Protein backbone atom coordinates (compact mmCIF):
# COMPACT_ATOMS: atom_id res chain seq x y z
CA MET A 1 9.74 -22.98 17.76
CA THR A 2 7.74 -25.24 20.04
CA GLY A 3 5.44 -22.34 20.84
CA VAL A 4 4.61 -21.91 17.17
CA ILE A 5 3.90 -25.62 16.77
CA ASP A 6 1.63 -25.55 19.82
CA GLU A 7 -0.27 -22.58 18.41
CA ILE A 8 -0.73 -24.38 15.08
CA ARG A 9 -2.04 -27.45 16.92
CA LYS A 10 -4.52 -25.25 18.80
CA LEU A 11 -5.64 -23.72 15.51
CA LEU A 12 -6.10 -27.20 14.04
CA GLU A 13 -8.34 -28.10 16.99
CA LEU A 14 -10.50 -25.00 16.50
CA TYR A 15 -10.71 -24.74 12.70
CA PRO A 16 -10.81 -27.16 9.76
CA SER A 17 -7.39 -28.36 8.67
CA TRP A 18 -7.84 -27.09 5.10
CA LEU A 19 -8.44 -23.55 6.41
CA VAL A 20 -5.37 -23.58 8.67
CA THR A 21 -3.22 -25.05 5.90
CA THR A 22 -4.43 -22.46 3.39
CA CYS A 23 -3.73 -19.60 5.78
CA LEU A 24 -0.26 -20.94 6.59
CA ILE A 25 0.54 -21.26 2.88
CA ILE A 26 -0.60 -17.67 2.24
CA VAL A 27 1.48 -16.36 5.15
CA ALA A 28 4.54 -18.35 4.02
CA ALA A 29 4.14 -17.04 0.46
CA GLY A 30 4.00 -13.48 1.79
CA ILE A 31 7.11 -13.97 3.88
CA LEU A 32 8.97 -15.50 0.92
CA TYR A 33 7.91 -12.56 -1.26
CA VAL A 34 9.26 -10.03 1.24
CA VAL A 35 12.51 -11.98 1.66
CA TRP A 36 12.93 -12.18 -2.13
CA ARG A 37 12.39 -8.41 -2.46
CA VAL A 38 15.04 -7.74 0.20
CA VAL A 39 17.52 -10.14 -1.44
CA LYS A 40 16.82 -8.66 -4.87
CA PHE A 41 17.41 -5.15 -3.51
CA GLY A 42 20.71 -6.31 -2.01
CA ILE A 43 21.78 -7.82 -5.33
CA VAL A 44 20.96 -4.55 -7.13
CA LEU A 45 23.02 -2.59 -4.60
CA MET A 46 25.94 -4.99 -4.94
CA VAL A 47 25.94 -4.87 -8.75
CA THR A 48 25.68 -1.07 -8.69
CA ALA A 49 28.63 -0.81 -6.29
CA LEU A 50 30.71 -3.16 -8.46
CA LEU A 51 29.93 -1.17 -11.61
CA ILE A 52 30.88 2.10 -9.90
CA ALA A 53 34.12 0.51 -8.68
CA LEU A 54 34.86 -0.71 -12.21
CA VAL A 55 34.32 2.75 -13.69
CA VAL A 56 36.47 4.37 -10.99
CA PHE A 57 39.24 1.81 -11.54
CA ALA A 58 39.12 2.31 -15.32
CA GLY A 59 39.28 6.09 -14.90
CA TRP A 60 42.14 5.82 -12.44
CA THR A 61 44.03 3.46 -14.78
CA LEU A 62 43.52 5.60 -17.88
CA PHE A 63 43.86 9.09 -16.44
CA GLY A 64 45.44 8.61 -13.02
CA SER A 65 49.07 8.23 -13.89
């Protein structure tokens, strides 16, 4: 983590602070978007698996015995 902070400090020495801040915000927004898509995909998979399990359990209860 210290390496990242050092790199940001070097960028702040080379470029205006508003430019570095804007770029960091854009990168953070992109990372959050990707993380949200992955989490959303995981939620969809979980709900689908639960619905399939519910249908299988209902079928087993009604027709299994």
